[in-house]
Amino acid sequence: MGFFNKIKEGLKKTRDGVVGQISSMLKSFTKIDEELFEELEELLVMADVGVHTAENICNELRAQVKADGVTDPNEIMGMLEKLTADMLREGNEMVLNTKPSVILIIGVNGVGKTTTIGKLANHYVSNGKKVTLAAADTFRAAAIDQLQVWAERSHADIVKQNEGSDPAAVVFDAISSAKAKGSDIIICDTAGRLHNKKHLMDELAKIRRVIDRELPDTDKEFLLVLDATTGQNAVNQAQEFSKATGISGIVLTKLDGTARGGVVLAIKEGLKIPVKFIGVGEKIDDLQPFDADDFTKALFAKD
């Protein structure tokens, strides 16, 4: 199965639950009026698009309808599809042009962070890159062991220390190892203890200082891993981490397990953070770079 078909299959719950409802609602109207836009906005909010983004979408559609003289409610769906693609399109590409480049992975425990790192490593190794993993989530021995398994599966190098070690020291060692071995990409795991926010944010700041000091001119991506099934809670996590550490992009996992795919719009339009990768399954190659046009095409596809 090609990845577009995986996305299409993975978005089935969102497509059935959200796009299907919008399509049915539009068919119940014989003209485009304010009641139609109010119902559309309500359905978008229920789809975890977010209140602010739902308002923006409906305002943009109102303006387009007026400018183009559209009168048929059934034309709204095509307009909504185009608007969705336009909103999601910018900033999705990873910027990893230097050797080495660094990807710092952050996120709360339970979102699939370590698994995501393993799949990212596999993606880049499969594309001919030499990858070094830094096991800097030293708070949990299980995280280090899990990352070791993923390193072996994806044929990536790994740098690790014992549980309880200084995470920044692990990152320092990983940078030194990557330089010596000629790695293209360093992917750093981090702890995900959002409930102990100050300690976590101090730890992340220290790691970032080490990266900036040791690799001042390297390309860096700071990616937040979010679980799509948590809907608006994922948006709240993105807000918290963005304020505390700065984020260059989102990795959205478990899209195949939810009808809340609208959260992609809430994050991109509401928080101005691009989605860089999406996960639509459990297999090692089910995490792929986000493509706005393919995503939108799959979301609005007719089964």
C-alpha atoms as a PDB file:
ATOM      1  CA  MET A   1       0.000   0.000   0.000  1.00  0.00           C
ATOM      2  CA  GLY A   2       1.416   3.400  -1.017  1.00  0.00           C
ATOM      3  CA  PHE A   3       1.690   6.068   1.648  1.00  0.00           C
ATOM      4  CA  PHE A   4      -1.134   8.157   0.130  1.00  0.00           C
ATOM      5  CA  ASN A   5      -3.446   5.176   0.540  1.00  0.00           C
ATOM      6  CA  LYS A   6      -2.178   4.759   4.104  1.00  0.00           C
ATOM      7  CA  ILE A   7      -3.041   8.403   4.808  1.00  0.00           C
ATOM      8  CA  LYS A   8      -6.431   7.961   3.181  1.00  0.00           C
ATOM      9  CA  GLU A   9      -7.096   4.853   5.265  1.00  0.00           C
ATOM     10  CA  GLY A  10      -5.637   6.490   8.368  1.00  0.00           C
ATOM     11  CA  LEU A  11      -7.927   9.513   8.025  1.00  0.00           C
ATOM     12  CA  LYS A  12     -11.046   7.393   7.518  1.00  0.00           C
ATOM     13  CA  LYS A  13     -12.413   8.113  11.010  1.00  0.00           C
ATOM     14  CA  THR A  14     -11.920  11.852  10.568  1.00  0.00           C
ATOM     15  CA  ARG A  15     -13.295  11.741   7.020  1.00  0.00           C
ATOM     16  CA  ASP A  16     -16.395   9.802   8.082  1.00  0.00           C
ATOM     17  CA  GLY A  17     -16.956  11.765  11.265  1.00  0.00           C
ATOM     18  CA  VAL A  18     -16.146  15.295  10.093  1.00  0.00           C
ATOM     19  CA  VAL A  19     -16.176  15.625   6.309  1.00  0.00           C
ATOM     20  CA  GLY A  20     -19.165  13.273   6.100  1.00  0.00           C
ATOM     21  CA  GLN A  21     -21.149  15.395   8.547  1.00  0.00           C
ATOM     22  CA  ILE A  22     -20.249  18.610   6.729  1.00  0.00           C
ATOM     23  CA  SER A  23     -21.260  17.082   3.391  1.00  0.00           C
ATOM     24  CA  SER A  24     -24.616  15.934   4.805  1.00  0.00           C
ATOM     25  CA  MET A  25     -25.208  19.339   6.369  1.00  0.00           C
ATOM     26  CA  LEU A  26     -24.505  21.166   3.094  1.00  0.00           C
ATOM     27  CA  LYS A  27     -26.939  18.893   1.229  1.00  0.00           C
ATOM     28  CA  SER A  28     -29.681  19.911   3.648  1.00  0.00           C
ATOM     29  CA  PHE A  29     -29.422  23.560   2.532  1.00  0.00           C
ATOM     30  CA  THR A  30     -30.905  24.975  -0.675  1.00  0.00           C
ATOM     31  CA  LYS A  31     -29.139  28.331  -0.341  1.00  0.00           C
ATOM     32  CA  ILE A  32     -26.023  29.777   1.261  1.00  0.00           C
ATOM     33  CA  ASP A  33     -27.037  31.829   4.287  1.00  0.00           C
ATOM     34  CA  GLU A  34     -25.829  32.686   7.772  1.00  0.00           C
ATOM     35  CA  GLU A  35     -27.457  29.589   9.263  1.00  0.00           C
ATOM     36  CA  LEU A  36     -25.292  27.426   6.970  1.00  0.00           C
ATOM     37  CA  PHE A  37     -22.100  29.114   8.151  1.00  0.00           C
ATOM     38  CA  GLU A  38     -23.145  28.827  11.805  1.00  0.00           C
ATOM     39  CA  GLU A  39     -23.719  25.075  11.414  1.00  0.00           C
ATOM     40  CA  LEU A  40     -20.435  24.683   9.536  1.00  0.00           C
ATOM     41  CA  GLU A  41     -18.532  26.523  12.257  1.00  0.00           C
ATOM     42  CA  GLU A  42     -20.112  24.309  14.923  1.00  0.00           C
ATOM     43  CA  LEU A  43     -19.124  21.127  13.052  1.00  0.00           C
ATOM     44  CA  LEU A  44     -15.552  22.398  12.644  1.00  0.00           C
ATOM     45  CA  VAL A  45     -15.276  23.150  16.367  1.00  0.00           C
ATOM     46  CA  MET A  46     -16.591  19.660  17.169  1.00  0.00           C
ATOM     47  CA  ALA A  47     -13.852  18.284  14.876  1.00  0.00           C
ATOM     48  CA  ASP A  48     -11.147  19.822  17.104  1.00  0.00           C
ATOM     49  CA  VAL A  49     -10.290  22.479  14.524  1.00  0.00           C
ATOM     50  CA  GLY A  50     -10.545  24.993  17.370  1.00  0.00           C
ATOM     51  CA  VAL A  51     -12.884  27.981  17.842  1.00  0.00           C
ATOM     52  CA  HIS A  52     -10.455  30.589  16.495  1.00  0.00           C
ATOM     53  CA  THR A  53      -9.557  28.565  13.395  1.00  0.00           C
ATOM     54  CA  ALA A  54     -13.194  27.600  12.721  1.00  0.00           C
ATOM     55  CA  GLU A  55     -14.147  31.302  12.816  1.00  0.00           C
ATOM     56  CA  ASN A  56     -11.300  32.175  10.428  1.00  0.00           C
ATOM     57  CA  ILE A  57     -12.316  29.438   7.984  1.00  0.00           C
ATOM     58  CA  CYS A  58     -15.963  30.525   7.933  1.00  0.00           C
ATOM     59  CA  ASN A  59     -15.039  34.206   7.565  1.00  0.00           C
ATOM     60  CA  GLU A  60     -12.779  33.357   4.630  1.00  0.00           C
ATOM     61  CA  LEU A  61     -15.527  31.266   3.020  1.00  0.00           C
ATOM     62  CA  ARG A  62     -18.060  34.083   3.497  1.00  0.00           C
ATOM     63  CA  ALA A  63     -15.693  36.475   1.715  1.00  0.00           C
ATOM     64  CA  GLN A  64     -15.073  34.018  -1.140  1.00  0.00           C
ATOM     65  CA  VAL A  65     -18.783  33.298  -1.581  1.00  0.00           C
ATOM     66  CA  LYS A  66     -19.508  37.014  -1.798  1.00  0.00           C
ATOM     67  CA  ALA A  67     -16.583  37.794  -4.133  1.00  0.00           C
ATOM     68  CA  ASP A  68     -17.324  34.910  -6.530  1.00  0.00           C
ATOM     69  CA  GLY A  69     -21.112  35.119  -6.373  1.00  0.00           C
ATOM     70  CA  VAL A  70     -21.455  31.489  -5.286  1.00  0.00           C
ATOM     71  CA  THR A  71     -25.043  30.433  -4.588  1.00  0.00           C
ATOM     72  CA  ASP A  72     -24.939  26.602  -4.541  1.00  0.00           C
ATOM     73  CA  PRO A  73     -24.240  25.153  -1.044  1.00  0.00           C
ATOM     74  CA  ASN A  74     -22.613  22.087  -2.648  1.00  0.00           C
ATOM     75  CA  GLU A  75     -19.770  24.290  -3.919  1.00  0.00           C
ATOM     76  CA  ILE A  76     -18.740  25.047  -0.332  1.00  0.00           C
ATOM     77  CA  MET A  77     -17.056  21.628   0.072  1.00  0.00           C
ATOM     78  CA  GLY A  78     -14.628  22.234  -2.786  1.00  0.00           C
ATOM     79  CA  MET A  79     -13.890  25.713  -1.460  1.00  0.00           C
ATOM     80  CA  LEU A  80     -13.274  24.264   2.022  1.00  0.00           C
ATOM     81  CA  GLU A  81     -10.884  21.642   0.618  1.00  0.00           C
ATOM     82  CA  LYS A  82      -8.820  24.273  -1.220  1.00  0.00           C
ATOM     83  CA  LEU A  83      -8.761  26.559   1.826  1.00  0.00           C
ATOM     84  CA  THR A  84      -7.610  23.674   4.043  1.00  0.00           C
ATOM     85  CA  ALA A  85      -4.697  22.869   1.721  1.00  0.00           C
ATOM     86  CA  ASP A  86      -3.716  26.549   1.525  1.00  0.00           C
ATOM     87  CA  MET A  87      -3.718  26.865   5.321  1.00  0.00           C
ATOM     88  CA  LEU A  88      -1.543  23.779   5.831  1.00  0.00           C
ATOM     89  CA  ARG A  89       0.930  24.256   3.011  1.00  0.00           C
ATOM     90  CA  GLU A  90       3.752  26.455   4.374  1.00  0.00           C
ATOM     91  CA  GLY A  91       6.733  25.441   6.492  1.00  0.00           C
ATOM     92  CA  ASN A  92       6.320  21.658   6.419  1.00  0.00           C
ATOM     93  CA  GLU A  93       9.784  20.849   5.053  1.00  0.00           C
ATOM     94  CA  MET A  94      12.545  19.770   7.426  1.00  0.00           C
ATOM     95  CA  VAL A  95      15.640  21.990   7.180  1.00  0.00           C
ATOM     96  CA  LEU A  96      18.608  19.651   7.664  1.00  0.00           C
ATOM     97  CA  ASN A  97      21.226  20.837   5.194  1.00  0.00           C
ATOM     98  CA  THR A  98      24.334  20.860   7.406  1.00  0.00           C
ATOM     99  CA  LYS A  99      26.444  17.886   8.441  1.00  0.00           C
ATOM    100  CA  PRO A 100      25.636  17.090  11.105  1.00  0.00           C
ATOM    101  CA  SER A 101      22.136  18.475  11.612  1.00  0.00           C
ATOM    102  CA  VAL A 102      20.219  18.058  14.873  1.00  0.00           C
ATOM    103  CA  ILE A 103      16.654  16.986  15.610  1.00  0.00           C
ATOM    104  CA  LEU A 104      15.621  17.488  19.257  1.00  0.00           C
ATOM    105  CA  ILE A 105      12.476  15.532  20.139  1.00  0.00           C
ATOM    106  CA  ILE A 106      10.266  16.742  22.986  1.00  0.00           C
ATOM    107  CA  GLY A 107       6.843  15.757  24.303  1.00  0.00           C
ATOM    108  CA  VAL A 108       5.069  14.300  27.306  1.00  0.00           C
ATOM    109  CA  ASN A 109       5.372  10.621  28.151  1.00  0.00           C
ATOM    110  CA  GLY A 110       2.824   8.391  26.473  1.00  0.00           C
ATOM    111  CA  VAL A 111       2.595  10.139  23.093  1.00  0.00           C
ATOM    112  CA  GLY A 112       4.919   7.678  21.354  1.00  0.00           C
ATOM    113  CA  LYS A 113       8.042   9.834  21.549  1.00  0.00           C
ATOM    114  CA  THR A 114      10.689   7.095  21.602  1.00  0.00           C
ATOM    115  CA  THR A 115       8.863   5.108  18.917  1.00  0.00           C
ATOM    116  CA  THR A 116       8.705   8.258  16.794  1.00  0.00           C
ATOM    117  CA  ILE A 117      12.477   8.684  17.111  1.00  0.00           C
ATOM    118  CA  GLY A 118      12.995   5.098  15.953  1.00  0.00           C
ATOM    119  CA  LYS A 119      10.748   5.660  12.935  1.00  0.00           C
ATOM    120  CA  LEU A 120      12.478   8.972  12.138  1.00  0.00           C
ATOM    121  CA  ALA A 121      15.834   7.210  12.282  1.00  0.00           C
ATOM    122  CA  ASN A 122      14.551   4.522   9.929  1.00  0.00           C
ATOM    123  CA  HIS A 123      13.216   7.185   7.540  1.00  0.00           C
ATOM    124  CA  TYR A 124      16.545   8.974   7.279  1.00  0.00           C
ATOM    125  CA  VAL A 125      18.685   5.818   7.185  1.00  0.00           C
ATOM    126  CA  SER A 126      16.440   4.512   4.387  1.00  0.00           C
ATOM    127  CA  ASN A 127      17.181   7.745   2.542  1.00  0.00           C
ATOM    128  CA  GLY A 128      20.932   7.173   2.769  1.00  0.00           C
ATOM    129  CA  LYS A 129      21.702   9.241   5.873  1.00  0.00           C
ATOM    130  CA  LYS A 130      23.974   8.180   8.735  1.00  0.00           C
ATOM    131  CA  VAL A 131      22.076   8.737  11.991  1.00  0.00           C
ATOM    132  CA  THR A 132      23.213   8.966  15.615  1.00  0.00           C
ATOM    133  CA  LEU A 133      20.632   8.676  18.409  1.00  0.00           C
ATOM    134  CA  ALA A 134      21.177  10.384  21.768  1.00  0.00           C
ATOM    135  CA  ALA A 135      19.368   8.578  24.610  1.00  0.00           C
ATOM    136  CA  ALA A 136      18.918  11.735  26.687  1.00  0.00           C
ATOM    137  CA  ASP A 137      15.713  10.620  28.408  1.00  0.00           C
ATOM    138  CA  THR A 138      17.747   9.339  31.339  1.00  0.00           C
ATOM    139  CA  PHE A 139      14.806   9.609  33.738  1.00  0.00           C
ATOM    140  CA  ARG A 140      13.509   6.183  32.657  1.00  0.00           C
ATOM    141  CA  ALA A 141      15.722   3.160  32.089  1.00  0.00           C
ATOM    142  CA  ALA A 142      12.952   1.771  29.867  1.00  0.00           C
ATOM    143  CA  ALA A 143      13.332   4.727  27.501  1.00  0.00           C
ATOM    144  CA  ILE A 144      17.054   4.002  27.054  1.00  0.00           C
ATOM    145  CA  ASP A 145      16.397   0.284  26.478  1.00  0.00           C
ATOM    146  CA  GLN A 146      13.586   1.034  24.035  1.00  0.00           C
ATOM    147  CA  LEU A 147      15.751   3.428  22.056  1.00  0.00           C
ATOM    148  CA  GLN A 148      18.507   0.780  21.883  1.00  0.00           C
ATOM    149  CA  VAL A 149      16.017  -1.619  20.253  1.00  0.00           C
ATOM    150  CA  TRP A 150      14.969   1.045  17.736  1.00  0.00           C
ATOM    151  CA  ALA A 151      18.620   1.865  16.951  1.00  0.00           C
ATOM    152  CA  GLU A 152      19.219  -1.793  16.079  1.00  0.00           C
ATOM    153  CA  ARG A 153      16.035  -2.028  13.985  1.00  0.00           C
ATOM    154  CA  SER A 154      16.796   1.144  12.033  1.00  0.00           C
ATOM    155  CA  HIS A 155      20.584   0.555  11.757  1.00  0.00           C
ATOM    156  CA  ALA A 156      21.416   3.820  13.543  1.00  0.00           C
ATOM    157  CA  ASP A 157      24.228   4.483  16.008  1.00  0.00           C
ATOM    158  CA  ILE A 158      23.257   5.195  19.612  1.00  0.00           C
ATOM    159  CA  VAL A 159      24.994   7.043  22.436  1.00  0.00           C
ATOM    160  CA  LYS A 160      23.697   6.325  25.931  1.00  0.00           C
ATOM    161  CA  GLN A 161      24.655   6.467  29.589  1.00  0.00           C
ATOM    162  CA  ASN A 162      23.145   5.013  32.738  1.00  0.00           C
ATOM    163  CA  GLU A 163      19.721   5.906  34.096  1.00  0.00           C
ATOM    164  CA  GLY A 164      19.926   9.169  36.067  1.00  0.00           C
ATOM    165  CA  SER A 165      22.848  10.587  34.053  1.00  0.00           C
ATOM    166  CA  ASP A 166      22.900  14.238  33.030  1.00  0.00           C
ATOM    167  CA  PRO A 167      20.873  14.438  29.770  1.00  0.00           C
ATOM    168  CA  ALA A 168      22.997  17.325  28.471  1.00  0.00           C
ATOM    169  CA  ALA A 169      26.123  15.184  28.961  1.00  0.00           C
ATOM    170  CA  VAL A 170      24.566  12.440  26.820  1.00  0.00           C
ATOM    171  CA  VAL A 171      23.839  14.980  24.064  1.00  0.00           C
ATOM    172  CA  PHE A 172      27.432  16.270  24.312  1.00  0.00           C
ATOM    173  CA  ASP A 173      28.777  12.718  23.908  1.00  0.00           C
ATOM    174  CA  ALA A 174      26.409  12.086  20.982  1.00  0.00           C
ATOM    175  CA  ILE A 175      27.631  15.227  19.218  1.00  0.00           C
ATOM    176  CA  SER A 176      31.257  14.180  19.743  1.00  0.00           C
ATOM    177  CA  SER A 177      30.504  10.677  18.438  1.00  0.00           C
ATOM    178  CA  ALA A 178      28.575  12.015  15.431  1.00  0.00           C
ATOM    179  CA  LYS A 179      31.441  14.313  14.479  1.00  0.00           C
ATOM    180  CA  ALA A 180      33.955  11.480  14.760  1.00  0.00           C
ATOM    181  CA  LYS A 181      31.852   9.023  12.740  1.00  0.00           C
ATOM    182  CA  GLY A 182      30.626  11.507  10.141  1.00  0.00           C
ATOM    183  CA  SER A 183      26.936  11.266  10.985  1.00  0.00           C
ATOM    184  CA  ASP A 184      24.513  13.342   8.940  1.00  0.00           C
ATOM    185  CA  ILE A 185      21.800  13.660  11.576  1.00  0.00           C
ATOM    186  CA  ILE A 186      21.731  13.536  15.387  1.00  0.00           C
ATOM    187  CA  ILE A 187      18.315  12.748  16.890  1.00  0.00           C
ATOM    188  CA  CYS A 188      18.027  13.497  20.615  1.00  0.00           C
ATOM    189  CA  ASP A 189      15.430  11.936  22.907  1.00  0.00           C
ATOM    190  CA  THR A 190      14.383  13.947  25.984  1.00  0.00           C
ATOM    191  CA  ALA A 191      12.344  13.311  29.121  1.00  0.00           C
ATOM    192  CA  GLY A 192       8.645  14.135  29.069  1.00  0.00           C
ATOM    193  CA  ARG A 193       7.702  15.203  32.577  1.00  0.00           C
ATOM    194  CA  LEU A 194       5.377  18.135  31.881  1.00  0.00           C
ATOM    195  CA  HIS A 195       3.886  17.929  35.380  1.00  0.00           C
ATOM    196  CA  ASN A 196       7.307  18.938  36.744  1.00  0.00           C
ATOM    197  CA  LYS A 197       7.503  21.716  34.211  1.00  0.00           C
ATOM    198  CA  LYS A 198      10.228  23.962  35.574  1.00  0.00           C
ATOM    199  CA  HIS A 199      12.731  21.130  35.988  1.00  0.00           C
ATOM    200  CA  LEU A 200      11.926  19.789  32.519  1.00  0.00           C
ATOM    201  CA  MET A 201      12.202  23.180  30.847  1.00  0.00           C
ATOM    202  CA  ASP A 202      15.503  23.898  32.627  1.00  0.00           C
ATOM    203  CA  GLU A 203      16.768  20.530  31.385  1.00  0.00           C
ATOM    204  CA  LEU A 204      15.713  21.284  27.802  1.00  0.00           C
ATOM    205  CA  ALA A 205      17.316  24.737  27.974  1.00  0.00           C
ATOM    206  CA  LYS A 206      20.606  23.149  29.122  1.00  0.00           C
ATOM    207  CA  ILE A 207      20.495  20.640  26.252  1.00  0.00           C
ATOM    208  CA  ARG A 208      19.872  23.431  23.764  1.00  0.00           C
ATOM    209  CA  ARG A 209      22.815  25.420  25.149  1.00  0.00           C
ATOM    210  CA  VAL A 210      25.096  22.399  24.649  1.00  0.00           C
ATOM    211  CA  ILE A 211      23.873  21.974  21.051  1.00  0.00           C
ATOM    212  CA  ASP A 212      24.312  25.697  20.298  1.00  0.00           C
ATOM    213  CA  ARG A 213      27.799  25.725  21.834  1.00  0.00           C
ATOM    214  CA  GLU A 214      29.081  22.563  20.159  1.00  0.00           C
ATOM    215  CA  LEU A 215      27.309  23.029  16.813  1.00  0.00           C
ATOM    216  CA  PRO A 216      26.723  26.799  16.499  1.00  0.00           C
ATOM    217  CA  ASP A 217      26.155  26.830  12.741  1.00  0.00           C
ATOM    218  CA  THR A 218      24.273  23.580  12.331  1.00  0.00           C
ATOM    219  CA  ASP A 219      20.661  23.246  11.189  1.00  0.00           C
ATOM    220  CA  LYS A 220      18.385  22.398  14.102  1.00  0.00           C
ATOM    221  CA  GLU A 221      14.796  21.186  14.238  1.00  0.00           C
ATOM    222  CA  PHE A 222      12.955  21.171  17.572  1.00  0.00           C
ATOM    223  CA  LEU A 223      10.006  18.824  17.122  1.00  0.00           C
ATOM    224  CA  LEU A 224       7.128  18.275  19.536  1.00  0.00           C
ATOM    225  CA  VAL A 225       5.475  14.848  19.373  1.00  0.00           C
ATOM    226  CA  LEU A 226       1.706  14.971  19.895  1.00  0.00           C
ATOM    227  CA  ASP A 227      -0.908  12.225  20.101  1.00  0.00           C
ATOM    228  CA  ALA A 228      -3.735  13.138  17.688  1.00  0.00           C
ATOM    229  CA  THR A 229      -6.258  11.113  19.711  1.00  0.00           C
ATOM    230  CA  THR A 230      -6.081  13.666  22.537  1.00  0.00           C
ATOM    231  CA  GLY A 231      -7.592  16.437  20.374  1.00  0.00           C
ATOM    232  CA  GLN A 232      -7.585  19.826  22.072  1.00  0.00           C
ATOM    233  CA  ASN A 233      -5.279  18.513  24.804  1.00  0.00           C
ATOM    234  CA  ALA A 234      -2.627  18.153  22.084  1.00  0.00           C
ATOM    235  CA  VAL A 235      -3.156  21.814  21.187  1.00  0.00           C
ATOM    236  CA  ASN A 236      -2.746  22.775  24.850  1.00  0.00           C
ATOM    237  CA  GLN A 237       0.519  20.812  25.060  1.00  0.00           C
ATOM    238  CA  ALA A 238       1.784  22.590  21.944  1.00  0.00           C
ATOM    239  CA  GLN A 239       0.981  25.948  23.538  1.00  0.00           C
ATOM    240  CA  GLU A 240       2.800  25.044  26.764  1.00  0.00           C
ATOM    241  CA  PHE A 241       5.949  23.725  25.092  1.00  0.00           C
ATOM    242  CA  SER A 242       6.006  26.506  22.511  1.00  0.00           C
ATOM    243  CA  LYS A 243       5.986  29.170  25.223  1.00  0.00           C
ATOM    244  CA  ALA A 244       8.656  27.408  27.257  1.00  0.00           C
ATOM    245  CA  THR A 245      11.139  26.120  24.671  1.00  0.00           C
ATOM    246  CA  GLY A 246      10.221  27.177  21.168  1.00  0.00           C
ATOM    247  CA  ILE A 247       9.193  24.584  18.580  1.00  0.00           C
ATOM    248  CA  SER A 248      10.023  24.452  14.876  1.00  0.00           C
ATOM    249  CA  GLY A 249       7.464  21.774  14.057  1.00  0.00           C
ATOM    250  CA  ILE A 250       5.061  19.037  15.141  1.00  0.00           C
ATOM    251  CA  VAL A 251       5.103  15.268  14.732  1.00  0.00           C
ATOM    252  CA  LEU A 252       1.474  14.142  14.934  1.00  0.00           C
ATOM    253  CA  THR A 253       1.100  10.446  15.804  1.00  0.00           C
ATOM    254  CA  LYS A 254      -1.872   8.046  15.906  1.00  0.00           C
ATOM    255  CA  LEU A 255      -3.934   9.899  13.290  1.00  0.00           C
ATOM    256  CA  ASP A 256      -5.352   6.543  12.218  1.00  0.00           C
ATOM    257  CA  GLY A 257      -6.916   6.000  15.633  1.00  0.00           C
ATOM    258  CA  THR A 258      -9.032   9.131  15.863  1.00  0.00           C
ATOM    259  CA  ALA A 259     -11.767  11.221  14.265  1.00  0.00           C
ATOM    260  CA  ARG A 260      -9.887  14.300  15.508  1.00  0.00           C
ATOM    261  CA  GLY A 261      -7.719  14.913  12.452  1.00  0.00           C
ATOM    262  CA  GLY A 262      -8.945  18.506  12.497  1.00  0.00           C
ATOM    263  CA  VAL A 263      -6.364  19.135  15.211  1.00  0.00           C
ATOM    264  CA  VAL A 264      -3.832  19.569  12.374  1.00  0.00           C
ATOM    265  CA  LEU A 265      -5.581  22.821  11.435  1.00  0.00           C
ATOM    266  CA  ALA A 266      -5.838  23.964  15.043  1.00  0.00           C
ATOM    267  CA  ILE A 267      -2.074  23.608  15.461  1.00  0.00           C
ATOM    268  CA  LYS A 268      -1.022  25.087  12.121  1.00  0.00           C
ATOM    269  CA  GLU A 269      -3.501  27.965  11.868  1.00  0.00           C
ATOM    270  CA  GLY A 270      -4.144  28.573  15.568  1.00  0.00           C
ATOM    271  CA  LEU A 271      -0.569  28.274  16.865  1.00  0.00           C
ATOM    272  CA  LYS A 272       1.353  28.953  13.630  1.00  0.00           C
ATOM    273  CA  ILE A 273       3.413  25.771  14.103  1.00  0.00           C
ATOM    274  CA  PRO A 274       3.811  23.584  11.000  1.00  0.00           C
ATOM    275  CA  VAL A 275       3.274  19.838  11.015  1.00  0.00           C
ATOM    276  CA  LYS A 276       6.463  18.145   9.786  1.00  0.00           C
ATOM    277  CA  PHE A 277       5.631  14.425  10.091  1.00  0.00           C
ATOM    278  CA  ILE A 278       2.468  12.387  10.583  1.00  0.00           C
ATOM    279  CA  GLY A 279       1.998   8.833  11.783  1.00  0.00           C
ATOM    280  CA  VAL A 280      -0.848   6.690  10.473  1.00  0.00           C
ATOM    281  CA  GLY A 281      -0.016   3.232  11.783  1.00  0.00           C
ATOM    282  CA  GLU A 282       2.227   1.006  13.872  1.00  0.00           C
ATOM    283  CA  LYS A 283       4.724  -0.119  11.221  1.00  0.00           C
ATOM    284  CA  ILE A 284       8.239   1.295  11.041  1.00  0.00           C
ATOM    285  CA  ASP A 285       7.519   3.109   7.761  1.00  0.00           C
ATOM    286  CA  ASP A 286       4.132   4.508   8.830  1.00  0.00           C
ATOM    287  CA  LEU A 287       5.684   7.822   9.854  1.00  0.00           C
ATOM    288  CA  GLN A 288       6.227  10.072   6.834  1.00  0.00           C
ATOM    289  CA  PRO A 289       6.874  13.743   6.013  1.00  0.00           C
ATOM    290  CA  PHE A 290       3.682  15.791   6.055  1.00  0.00           C
ATOM    291  CA  ASP A 291       2.399  16.840   2.642  1.00  0.00           C
ATOM    292  CA  ALA A 292      -0.446  19.378   2.845  1.00  0.00           C
ATOM    293  CA  ASP A 293      -1.882  18.534  -0.555  1.00  0.00           C
ATOM    294  CA  ASP A 294      -1.840  14.758  -0.028  1.00  0.00           C
ATOM    295  CA  PHE A 295      -3.288  15.171   3.473  1.00  0.00           C
ATOM    296  CA  THR A 296      -6.130  17.375   2.240  1.00  0.00           C
ATOM    297  CA  LYS A 297      -6.812  15.147  -0.772  1.00  0.00           C
ATOM    298  CA  ALA A 298      -7.040  12.107   1.535  1.00  0.00           C
ATOM    299  CA  LEU A 299      -9.184  13.976   4.071  1.00  0.00           C
ATOM    300  CA  PHE A 300     -11.765  15.006   1.450  1.00  0.00           C
ATOM    301  CA  ALA A 301     -11.571  11.828  -0.647  1.00  0.00           C
ATOM    302  CA  LYS A 302     -14.737  10.018  -1.585  1.00  0.00           C
ATOM    303  CA  ASP A 303     -14.519   6.382  -0.492  1.00  0.00           C
END
